[in-house]
Amino acid sequence: MHTIHPDDLRQKIKNKEKIMLLDVRNTDEVEQGFIEGAINIPLHILPLKFEEALPDTQAEIICYCESGGRSSRATQFLEEHGYTHVSNLYGGYMIYSLG
């Protein structure tokens, strides 16, 4: 599984690279803060929504949650379903938000 460091994600955002941010936290967590432009699909409903919400299996997708555990499972799930450019945000939103 590929991981991406928060600093590298910040650089991609700054450079306006074409990426999809997937926030797999629950709605109440997202209300506390999120990365601008992210779509929210809580991990427990990802299996029901991923094909509709993420139709391009070749897109660069960066998954994140609070600290990296759930997004790690989401990354693995997407890879198992044919997504080829998926990364897990190291340390999750907790670390990203500190920078």
PDB file of N, CA and C in Angstrom:
ATOM      1  N   MET A   1       0.833  -1.174   0.000  1.00  0.00           N
ATOM      2  CA  MET A   1       0.000   0.000   0.000  1.00  0.00           C
ATOM      3  C   MET A   1       0.881   1.241   0.000  1.00  0.00           C
ATOM      4  N   HIS A   2       0.509   2.162  -0.819  1.00  0.00           N
ATOM      5  CA  HIS A   2       1.261   3.407  -0.940  1.00  0.00           C
ATOM      6  C   HIS A   2       0.740   4.416   0.085  1.00  0.00           C
ATOM      7  N   THR A   3       1.656   5.141   0.707  1.00  0.00           N
ATOM      8  CA  THR A   3       1.271   6.228   1.614  1.00  0.00           C
ATOM      9  C   THR A   3       1.828   7.537   1.079  1.00  0.00           C
ATOM     10  N   ILE A   4       1.202   8.619   1.489  1.00  0.00           N
ATOM     11  CA  ILE A   4       1.672   9.941   1.105  1.00  0.00           C
ATOM     12  C   ILE A   4       1.810  10.774   2.377  1.00  0.00           C
ATOM     13  N   HIS A   5       2.892  11.503   2.476  1.00  0.00           N
ATOM     14  CA  HIS A   5       3.153  12.351   3.638  1.00  0.00           C
ATOM     15  C   HIS A   5       2.311  13.631   3.521  1.00  0.00           C
ATOM     16  N   PRO A   6       1.827  14.157   4.630  1.00  0.00           N
ATOM     17  CA  PRO A   6       1.039  15.391   4.583  1.00  0.00           C
ATOM     18  C   PRO A   6       1.711  16.539   3.819  1.00  0.00           C
ATOM     19  N   ASP A   7       3.012  16.697   3.955  1.00  0.00           N
ATOM     20  CA  ASP A   7       3.711  17.764   3.223  1.00  0.00           C
ATOM     21  C   ASP A   7       3.606  17.562   1.713  1.00  0.00           C
ATOM     22  N   ASP A   8       3.690  16.301   1.278  1.00  0.00           N
ATOM     23  CA  ASP A   8       3.571  16.009  -0.160  1.00  0.00           C
ATOM     24  C   ASP A   8       2.155  16.297  -0.652  1.00  0.00           C
ATOM     25  N   LEU A   9       1.162  15.983   0.173  1.00  0.00           N
ATOM     26  CA  LEU A   9      -0.219  16.302  -0.199  1.00  0.00           C
ATOM     27  C   LEU A   9      -0.407  17.812  -0.284  1.00  0.00           C
ATOM     28  N   ARG A  10       0.113  18.543   0.668  1.00  0.00           N
ATOM     29  CA  ARG A  10       0.007  20.012   0.620  1.00  0.00           C
ATOM     30  C   ARG A  10       0.610  20.556  -0.679  1.00  0.00           C
ATOM     31  N   GLN A  11       1.740  19.985  -1.094  1.00  0.00           N
ATOM     32  CA  GLN A  11       2.386  20.427  -2.330  1.00  0.00           C
ATOM     33  C   GLN A  11       1.518  20.120  -3.547  1.00  0.00           C
ATOM     34  N   LYS A  12       0.901  18.941  -3.563  1.00  0.00           N
ATOM     35  CA  LYS A  12       0.009  18.589  -4.676  1.00  0.00           C
ATOM     36  C   LYS A  12      -1.162  19.563  -4.751  1.00  0.00           C
ATOM     37  N   ILE A  13      -1.717  19.895  -3.592  1.00  0.00           N
ATOM     38  CA  ILE A  13      -2.833  20.841  -3.554  1.00  0.00           C
ATOM     39  C   ILE A  13      -2.369  22.214  -4.021  1.00  0.00           C
ATOM     40  N   LYS A  14      -1.219  22.655  -3.540  1.00  0.00           N
ATOM     41  CA  LYS A  14      -0.667  23.953  -3.939  1.00  0.00           C
ATOM     42  C   LYS A  14      -0.430  24.011  -5.446  1.00  0.00           C
ATOM     43  N   ASN A  15       0.045  22.896  -6.016  1.00  0.00           N
ATOM     44  CA  ASN A  15       0.326  22.824  -7.454  1.00  0.00           C
ATOM     45  C   ASN A  15      -0.929  22.583  -8.288  1.00  0.00           C
ATOM     46  N   LYS A  16      -2.076  22.446  -7.605  1.00  0.00           N
ATOM     47  CA  LYS A  16      -3.358  22.205  -8.273  1.00  0.00           C
ATOM     48  C   LYS A  16      -3.335  20.944  -9.128  1.00  0.00           C
ATOM     49  N   GLU A  17      -2.643  19.916  -8.597  1.00  0.00           N
ATOM     50  CA  GLU A  17      -2.620  18.636  -9.297  1.00  0.00           C
ATOM     51  C   GLU A  17      -4.007  18.004  -9.245  1.00  0.00           C
ATOM     52  N   LYS A  18      -4.284  17.199 -10.248  1.00  0.00           N
ATOM     53  CA  LYS A  18      -5.586  16.546 -10.330  1.00  0.00           C
ATOM     54  C   LYS A  18      -5.583  15.320  -9.410  1.00  0.00           C
ATOM     55  N   ILE A  19      -6.177  15.489  -8.227  1.00  0.00           N
ATOM     56  CA  ILE A  19      -6.282  14.402  -7.258  1.00  0.00           C
ATOM     57  C   ILE A  19      -7.695  14.386  -6.712  1.00  0.00           C
ATOM     58  N   MET A  20      -8.091  13.232  -6.216  1.00  0.00           N
ATOM     59  CA  MET A  20      -9.364  13.104  -5.531  1.00  0.00           C
ATOM     60  C   MET A  20      -9.063  12.784  -4.073  1.00  0.00           C
ATOM     61  N   LEU A  21      -9.604  13.577  -3.180  1.00  0.00           N
ATOM     62  CA  LEU A  21      -9.433  13.352  -1.749  1.00  0.00           C
ATOM     63  C   LEU A  21     -10.673  12.640  -1.229  1.00  0.00           C
ATOM     64  N   LEU A  22     -10.460  11.504  -0.587  1.00  0.00           N
ATOM     65  CA  LEU A  22     -11.554  10.704  -0.050  1.00  0.00           C
ATOM     66  C   LEU A  22     -11.450  10.662   1.466  1.00  0.00           C
ATOM     67  N   ASP A  23     -12.385  11.318   2.111  1.00  0.00           N
ATOM     68  CA  ASP A  23     -12.455  11.373   3.573  1.00  0.00           C
ATOM     69  C   ASP A  23     -13.390  10.256   4.026  1.00  0.00           C
ATOM     70  N   VAL A  24     -12.856   9.265   4.738  1.00  0.00           N
ATOM     71  CA  VAL A  24     -13.666   8.107   5.146  1.00  0.00           C
ATOM     72  C   VAL A  24     -14.110   8.196   6.607  1.00  0.00           C
ATOM     73  N   ARG A  25     -14.029   9.393   7.179  1.00  0.00           N
ATOM     74  CA  ARG A  25     -14.480   9.585   8.560  1.00  0.00           C
ATOM     75  C   ARG A  25     -16.003   9.696   8.602  1.00  0.00           C
ATOM     76  N   ASN A  26     -16.551   9.568   9.803  1.00  0.00           N
ATOM     77  CA  ASN A  26     -17.983   9.740  10.007  1.00  0.00           C
ATOM     78  C   ASN A  26     -18.340  11.216   9.911  1.00  0.00           C
ATOM     79  N   THR A  27     -19.605  11.483   9.629  1.00  0.00           N
ATOM     80  CA  THR A  27     -20.075  12.845   9.414  1.00  0.00           C
ATOM     81  C   THR A  27     -19.762  13.767  10.588  1.00  0.00           C
ATOM     82  N   ASP A  28     -19.919  13.293  11.810  1.00  0.00           N
ATOM     83  CA  ASP A  28     -19.654  14.148  12.965  1.00  0.00           C
ATOM     84  C   ASP A  28     -18.187  14.555  13.038  1.00  0.00           C
ATOM     85  N   GLU A  29     -17.284  13.703  12.571  1.00  0.00           N
ATOM     86  CA  GLU A  29     -15.859  14.047  12.546  1.00  0.00           C
ATOM     87  C   GLU A  29     -15.577  15.095  11.482  1.00  0.00           C
ATOM     88  N   VAL A  30     -16.220  14.958  10.332  1.00  0.00           N
ATOM     89  CA  VAL A  30     -16.027  15.898   9.230  1.00  0.00           C
ATOM     90  C   VAL A  30     -16.492  17.293   9.636  1.00  0.00           C
ATOM     91  N   GLU A  31     -17.535  17.360  10.452  1.00  0.00           N
ATOM     92  CA  GLU A  31     -18.035  18.655  10.915  1.00  0.00           C
ATOM     93  C   GLU A  31     -16.998  19.418  11.734  1.00  0.00           C
ATOM     94  N   GLN A  32     -16.004  18.715  12.270  1.00  0.00           N
ATOM     95  CA  GLN A  32     -14.943  19.345  13.051  1.00  0.00           C
ATOM     96  C   GLN A  32     -13.839  19.922  12.166  1.00  0.00           C
ATOM     97  N   GLY A  33     -13.834  19.570  10.896  1.00  0.00           N
ATOM     98  CA  GLY A  33     -12.831  20.065   9.959  1.00  0.00           C
ATOM     99  C   GLY A  33     -12.522  19.022   8.898  1.00  0.00           C
ATOM    100  N   PHE A  34     -12.096  19.480   7.727  1.00  0.00           N
ATOM    101  CA  PHE A  34     -11.802  18.584   6.609  1.00  0.00           C
ATOM    102  C   PHE A  34     -10.851  19.282   5.652  1.00  0.00           C
ATOM    103  N   ILE A  35     -10.308  18.511   4.727  1.00  0.00           N
ATOM    104  CA  ILE A  35      -9.438  19.072   3.699  1.00  0.00           C
ATOM    105  C   ILE A  35     -10.332  19.556   2.561  1.00  0.00           C
ATOM    106  N   GLU A  36     -10.175  20.812   2.198  1.00  0.00           N
ATOM    107  CA  GLU A  36     -11.017  21.407   1.162  1.00  0.00           C
ATOM    108  C   GLU A  36     -10.992  20.580  -0.119  1.00  0.00           C
ATOM    109  N   GLY A  37     -12.161  20.337  -0.665  1.00  0.00           N
ATOM    110  CA  GLY A  37     -12.291  19.590  -1.910  1.00  0.00           C
ATOM    111  C   GLY A  37     -12.508  18.102  -1.731  1.00  0.00           C
ATOM    112  N   ALA A  38     -12.408  17.617  -0.501  1.00  0.00           N
ATOM    113  CA  ALA A  38     -12.574  16.184  -0.246  1.00  0.00           C
ATOM    114  C   ALA A  38     -14.039  15.783  -0.355  1.00  0.00           C
ATOM    115  N   ILE A  39     -14.255  14.549  -0.784  1.00  0.00           N
ATOM    116  CA  ILE A  39     -15.590  13.983  -0.714  1.00  0.00           C
ATOM    117  C   ILE A  39     -15.617  13.069   0.501  1.00  0.00           C
ATOM    118  N   ASN A  40     -16.752  13.022   1.155  1.00  0.00           N
ATOM    119  CA  ASN A  40     -16.881  12.218   2.365  1.00  0.00           C
ATOM    120  C   ASN A  40     -17.748  10.999   2.094  1.00  0.00           C
ATOM    121  N   ILE A  41     -17.139   9.835   2.257  1.00  0.00           N
ATOM    122  CA  ILE A  41     -17.856   8.569   2.230  1.00  0.00           C
ATOM    123  C   ILE A  41     -17.354   7.776   3.435  1.00  0.00           C
ATOM    124  N   PRO A  42     -18.125   7.734   4.514  1.00  0.00           N
ATOM    125  CA  PRO A  42     -17.673   6.984   5.687  1.00  0.00           C
ATOM    126  C   PRO A  42     -17.303   5.543   5.313  1.00  0.00           C
ATOM    127  N   LEU A  43     -16.267   5.038   5.949  1.00  0.00           N
ATOM    128  CA  LEU A  43     -15.735   3.722   5.615  1.00  0.00           C
ATOM    129  C   LEU A  43     -16.812   2.650   5.583  1.00  0.00           C
ATOM    130  N   HIS A  44     -17.732   2.668   6.535  1.00  0.00           N
ATOM    131  CA  HIS A  44     -18.729   1.601   6.599  1.00  0.00           C
ATOM    132  C   HIS A  44     -19.713   1.621   5.434  1.00  0.00           C
ATOM    133  N   ILE A  45     -19.812   2.730   4.691  1.00  0.00           N
ATOM    134  CA  ILE A  45     -20.681   2.727   3.513  1.00  0.00           C
ATOM    135  C   ILE A  45     -19.903   2.756   2.195  1.00  0.00           C
ATOM    136  N   LEU A  46     -18.583   2.776   2.278  1.00  0.00           N
ATOM    137  CA  LEU A  46     -17.757   2.785   1.066  1.00  0.00           C
ATOM    138  C   LEU A  46     -18.095   1.631   0.117  1.00  0.00           C
ATOM    139  N   PRO A  47     -18.278   0.401   0.610  1.00  0.00           N
ATOM    140  CA  PRO A  47     -18.608  -0.691  -0.312  1.00  0.00           C
ATOM    141  C   PRO A  47     -19.909  -0.472  -1.094  1.00  0.00           C
ATOM    142  N   LEU A  48     -20.800   0.340  -0.575  1.00  0.00           N
ATOM    143  CA  LEU A  48     -22.077   0.607  -1.245  1.00  0.00           C
ATOM    144  C   LEU A  48     -22.003   1.763  -2.227  1.00  0.00           C
ATOM    145  N   LYS A  49     -21.026   2.652  -2.077  1.00  0.00           N
ATOM    146  CA  LYS A  49     -20.980   3.897  -2.837  1.00  0.00           C
ATOM    147  C   LYS A  49     -19.779   4.071  -3.760  1.00  0.00           C
ATOM    148  N   PHE A  50     -18.752   3.219  -3.608  1.00  0.00           N
ATOM    149  CA  PHE A  50     -17.491   3.519  -4.290  1.00  0.00           C
ATOM    150  C   PHE A  50     -17.610   3.554  -5.810  1.00  0.00           C
ATOM    151  N   GLU A  51     -18.382   2.644  -6.405  1.00  0.00           N
ATOM    152  CA  GLU A  51     -18.459   2.612  -7.871  1.00  0.00           C
ATOM    153  C   GLU A  51     -19.121   3.870  -8.431  1.00  0.00           C
ATOM    154  N   GLU A  52     -20.133   4.345  -7.747  1.00  0.00           N
ATOM    155  CA  GLU A  52     -20.840   5.551  -8.180  1.00  0.00           C
ATOM    156  C   GLU A  52     -20.002   6.807  -7.928  1.00  0.00           C
ATOM    157  N   ALA A  53     -19.395   6.902  -6.747  1.00  0.00           N
ATOM    158  CA  ALA A  53     -18.658   8.107  -6.364  1.00  0.00           C
ATOM    159  C   ALA A  53     -17.267   8.173  -6.971  1.00  0.00           C
ATOM    160  N   LEU A  54     -16.684   7.021  -7.271  1.00  0.00           N
ATOM    161  CA  LEU A  54     -15.306   6.956  -7.778  1.00  0.00           C
ATOM    162  C   LEU A  54     -15.267   6.136  -9.069  1.00  0.00           C
ATOM    163  N   PRO A  55     -15.850   6.652 -10.142  1.00  0.00           N
ATOM    164  CA  PRO A  55     -15.957   5.852 -11.368  1.00  0.00           C
ATOM    165  C   PRO A  55     -14.639   5.610 -12.103  1.00  0.00           C
ATOM    166  N   ASP A  56     -13.646   6.460 -11.899  1.00  0.00           N
ATOM    167  CA  ASP A  56     -12.375   6.360 -12.626  1.00  0.00           C
ATOM    168  C   ASP A  56     -11.354   5.563 -11.807  1.00  0.00           C
ATOM    169  N   THR A  57     -11.125   4.326 -12.186  1.00  0.00           N
ATOM    170  CA  THR A  57     -10.192   3.471 -11.455  1.00  0.00           C
ATOM    171  C   THR A  57      -8.736   3.878 -11.669  1.00  0.00           C
ATOM    172  N   GLN A  58      -8.483   4.790 -12.611  1.00  0.00           N
ATOM    173  CA  GLN A  58      -7.125   5.260 -12.886  1.00  0.00           C
ATOM    174  C   GLN A  58      -6.817   6.594 -12.210  1.00  0.00           C
ATOM    175  N   ALA A  59      -7.812   7.223 -11.591  1.00  0.00           N
ATOM    176  CA  ALA A  59      -7.621   8.525 -10.950  1.00  0.00           C
ATOM    177  C   ALA A  59      -6.700   8.398  -9.737  1.00  0.00           C
ATOM    178  N   GLU A  60      -5.992   9.477  -9.438  1.00  0.00           N
ATOM    179  CA  GLU A  60      -5.183   9.502  -8.220  1.00  0.00           C
ATOM    180  C   GLU A  60      -6.109   9.833  -7.051  1.00  0.00           C
ATOM    181  N   ILE A  61      -6.244   8.881  -6.142  1.00  0.00           N
ATOM    182  CA  ILE A  61      -7.131   9.019  -4.992  1.00  0.00           C
ATOM    183  C   ILE A  61      -6.289   8.968  -3.723  1.00  0.00           C
ATOM    184  N   ILE A  62      -6.501   9.931  -2.855  1.00  0.00           N
ATOM    185  CA  ILE A  62      -5.814   9.956  -1.567  1.00  0.00           C
ATOM    186  C   ILE A  62      -6.870   9.827  -0.483  1.00  0.00           C
ATOM    187  N   CYS A  63      -6.777   8.736   0.273  1.00  0.00           N
ATOM    188  CA  CYS A  63      -7.731   8.454   1.335  1.00  0.00           C
ATOM    189  C   CYS A  63      -7.203   8.979   2.660  1.00  0.00           C
ATOM    190  N   TYR A  64      -8.121   9.496   3.476  1.00  0.00           N
ATOM    191  CA  TYR A  64      -7.715   9.902   4.817  1.00  0.00           C
ATOM    192  C   TYR A  64      -8.855   9.732   5.800  1.00  0.00           C
ATOM    193  N   CYS A  65      -8.473   9.594   7.058  1.00  0.00           N
ATOM    194  CA  CYS A  65      -9.410   9.543   8.177  1.00  0.00           C
ATOM    195  C   CYS A  65      -8.776  10.372   9.291  1.00  0.00           C
ATOM    196  N   GLU A  66      -9.091  10.077  10.533  1.00  0.00           N
ATOM    197  CA  GLU A  66      -8.534  10.877  11.630  1.00  0.00           C
ATOM    198  C   GLU A  66      -7.041  10.625  11.814  1.00  0.00           C
ATOM    199  N   SER A  67      -6.658   9.329  11.865  1.00  0.00           N
ATOM    200  CA  SER A  67      -5.238   9.035  12.136  1.00  0.00           C
ATOM    201  C   SER A  67      -4.602   8.046  11.163  1.00  0.00           C
ATOM    202  N   GLY A  68      -5.361   7.471  10.250  1.00  0.00           N
ATOM    203  CA  GLY A  68      -4.786   6.617   9.226  1.00  0.00           C
ATOM    204  C   GLY A  68      -5.256   5.178   9.210  1.00  0.00           C
ATOM    205  N   GLY A  69      -5.926   4.711  10.250  1.00  0.00           N
ATOM    206  CA  GLY A  69      -6.366   3.319  10.307  1.00  0.00           C
ATOM    207  C   GLY A  69      -7.492   2.996   9.338  1.00  0.00           C
ATOM    208  N   ARG A  70      -8.573   3.749   9.402  1.00  0.00           N
ATOM    209  CA  ARG A  70      -9.704   3.500   8.497  1.00  0.00           C
ATOM    210  C   ARG A  70      -9.337   3.781   7.051  1.00  0.00           C
ATOM    211  N   SER A  71      -8.559   4.831   6.833  1.00  0.00           N
ATOM    212  CA  SER A  71      -8.178   5.144   5.452  1.00  0.00           C
ATOM    213  C   SER A  71      -7.244   4.082   4.887  1.00  0.00           C
ATOM    214  N   SER A  72      -6.483   3.435   5.744  1.00  0.00           N
ATOM    215  CA  SER A  72      -5.651   2.316   5.303  1.00  0.00           C
ATOM    216  C   SER A  72      -6.537   1.188   4.789  1.00  0.00           C
ATOM    217  N   ARG A  73      -7.619   0.902   5.507  1.00  0.00           N
ATOM    218  CA  ARG A  73      -8.553  -0.135   5.061  1.00  0.00           C
ATOM    219  C   ARG A  73      -9.260   0.285   3.774  1.00  0.00           C
ATOM    220  N   ALA A  74      -9.606   1.573   3.666  1.00  0.00           N
ATOM    221  CA  ALA A  74     -10.242   2.078   2.445  1.00  0.00           C
ATOM    222  C   ALA A  74      -9.301   1.959   1.249  1.00  0.00           C
ATOM    223  N   THR A  75      -8.036   2.308   1.457  1.00  0.00           N
ATOM    224  CA  THR A  75      -7.031   2.202   0.391  1.00  0.00           C
ATOM    225  C   THR A  75      -6.920   0.757  -0.077  1.00  0.00           C
ATOM    226  N   GLN A  76      -6.816  -0.149   0.864  1.00  0.00           N
ATOM    227  CA  GLN A  76      -6.716  -1.568   0.524  1.00  0.00           C
ATOM    228  C   GLN A  76      -7.972  -2.041  -0.219  1.00  0.00           C
ATOM    229  N   PHE A  77      -9.140  -1.639   0.244  1.00  0.00           N
ATOM    230  CA  PHE A  77     -10.400  -2.010  -0.394  1.00  0.00           C
ATOM    231  C   PHE A  77     -10.417  -1.550  -1.854  1.00  0.00           C
ATOM    232  N   LEU A  78     -10.058  -0.288  -2.087  1.00  0.00           N
ATOM    233  CA  LEU A  78     -10.069   0.244  -3.444  1.00  0.00           C
ATOM    234  C   LEU A  78      -9.057  -0.468  -4.329  1.00  0.00           C
ATOM    235  N   GLU A  79      -7.878  -0.752  -3.795  1.00  0.00           N
ATOM    236  CA  GLU A  79      -6.872  -1.495  -4.569  1.00  0.00           C
ATOM    237  C   GLU A  79      -7.411  -2.875  -4.952  1.00  0.00           C
ATOM    238  N   GLU A  80      -8.096  -3.522  -4.037  1.00  0.00           N
ATOM    239  CA  GLU A  80      -8.673  -4.848  -4.306  1.00  0.00           C
ATOM    240  C   GLU A  80      -9.767  -4.789  -5.370  1.00  0.00           C
ATOM    241  N   HIS A  81     -10.330  -3.604  -5.589  1.00  0.00           N
ATOM    242  CA  HIS A  81     -11.377  -3.436  -6.584  1.00  0.00           C
ATOM    243  C   HIS A  81     -10.875  -2.740  -7.849  1.00  0.00           C
ATOM    244  N   GLY A  82      -9.570  -2.796  -8.084  1.00  0.00           N
ATOM    245  CA  GLY A  82      -9.006  -2.377  -9.360  1.00  0.00           C
ATOM    246  C   GLY A  82      -8.522  -0.944  -9.457  1.00  0.00           C
ATOM    247  N   TYR A  83      -8.548  -0.200  -8.373  1.00  0.00           N
ATOM    248  CA  TYR A  83      -8.032   1.178  -8.410  1.00  0.00           C
ATOM    249  C   TYR A  83      -6.510   1.120  -8.335  1.00  0.00           C
ATOM    250  N   THR A  84      -5.862   1.842  -9.234  1.00  0.00           N
ATOM    251  CA  THR A  84      -4.421   1.667  -9.404  1.00  0.00           C
ATOM    252  C   THR A  84      -3.553   2.785  -8.821  1.00  0.00           C
ATOM    253  N   HIS A  85      -4.139   3.928  -8.483  1.00  0.00           N
ATOM    254  CA  HIS A  85      -3.361   5.065  -7.982  1.00  0.00           C
ATOM    255  C   HIS A  85      -3.956   5.573  -6.667  1.00  0.00           C
ATOM    256  N   VAL A  86      -3.975   4.704  -5.678  1.00  0.00           N
ATOM    257  CA  VAL A  86      -4.579   5.033  -4.391  1.00  0.00           C
ATOM    258  C   VAL A  86      -3.484   5.147  -3.336  1.00  0.00           C
ATOM    259  N   SER A  87      -3.577   6.168  -2.498  1.00  0.00           N
ATOM    260  CA  SER A  87      -2.619   6.370  -1.413  1.00  0.00           C
ATOM    261  C   SER A  87      -3.372   6.620  -0.110  1.00  0.00           C
ATOM    262  N   ASN A  88      -2.715   6.282   0.981  1.00  0.00           N
ATOM    263  CA  ASN A  88      -3.224   6.558   2.315  1.00  0.00           C
ATOM    264  C   ASN A  88      -2.432   7.731   2.886  1.00  0.00           C
ATOM    265  N   LEU A  89      -3.138   8.727   3.425  1.00  0.00           N
ATOM    266  CA  LEU A  89      -2.473   9.885   4.011  1.00  0.00           C
ATOM    267  C   LEU A  89      -1.848   9.501   5.344  1.00  0.00           C
ATOM    268  N   TYR A  90      -0.547   9.575   5.415  1.00  0.00           N
ATOM    269  CA  TYR A  90       0.195   9.225   6.624  1.00  0.00           C
ATOM    270  C   TYR A  90      -0.244  10.123   7.789  1.00  0.00           C
ATOM    271  N   GLY A  91      -0.660   9.500   8.883  1.00  0.00           N
ATOM    272  CA  GLY A  91      -1.057  10.250  10.070  1.00  0.00           C
ATOM    273  C   GLY A  91      -2.447  10.837  10.019  1.00  0.00           C
ATOM    274  N   GLY A  92      -3.100  10.742   8.858  1.00  0.00           N
ATOM    275  CA  GLY A  92      -4.464  11.200   8.708  1.00  0.00           C
ATOM    276  C   GLY A  92      -4.658  12.701   8.869  1.00  0.00           C
ATOM    277  N   TYR A  93      -5.914  13.072   9.053  1.00  0.00           N
ATOM    278  CA  TYR A  93      -6.263  14.485   9.182  1.00  0.00           C
ATOM    279  C   TYR A  93      -5.611  15.101  10.419  1.00  0.00           C
ATOM    280  N   MET A  94      -5.426  14.301  11.453  1.00  0.00           N
ATOM    281  CA  MET A  94      -4.835  14.798  12.690  1.00  0.00           C
ATOM    282  C   MET A  94      -3.456  15.409  12.436  1.00  0.00           C
ATOM    283  N   ILE A  95      -2.617  14.725  11.676  1.00  0.00           N
ATOM    284  CA  ILE A  95      -1.283  15.237  11.355  1.00  0.00           C
ATOM    285  C   ILE A  95      -1.359  16.325  10.293  1.00  0.00           C
ATOM    286  N   TYR A  96      -2.187  16.118   9.271  1.00  0.00           N
ATOM    287  CA  TYR A  96      -2.318  17.099   8.198  1.00  0.00           C
ATOM    288  C   TYR A  96      -2.727  18.458   8.755  1.00  0.00           C
ATOM    289  N   SER A  97      -3.684  18.472   9.681  1.00  0.00           N
ATOM    290  CA  SER A  97      -4.206  19.727  10.197  1.00  0.00           C
ATOM    291  C   SER A  97      -3.201  20.499  11.053  1.00  0.00           C
ATOM    292  N   LEU A  98      -2.152  19.830  11.505  1.00  0.00           N
ATOM    293  CA  LEU A  98      -1.131  20.499  12.291  1.00  0.00           C
ATOM    294  C   LEU A  98      -0.191  21.364  11.439  1.00  0.00           C
ATOM    295  N   GLY A  99      -0.123  21.040  10.155  1.00  0.00           N
ATOM    296  CA  GLY A  99       0.825  21.722   9.291  1.00  0.00           C
ATOM    297  C   GLY A  99       0.304  22.970   8.739  1.00  0.00           C
TER     298      GLY A  99
END
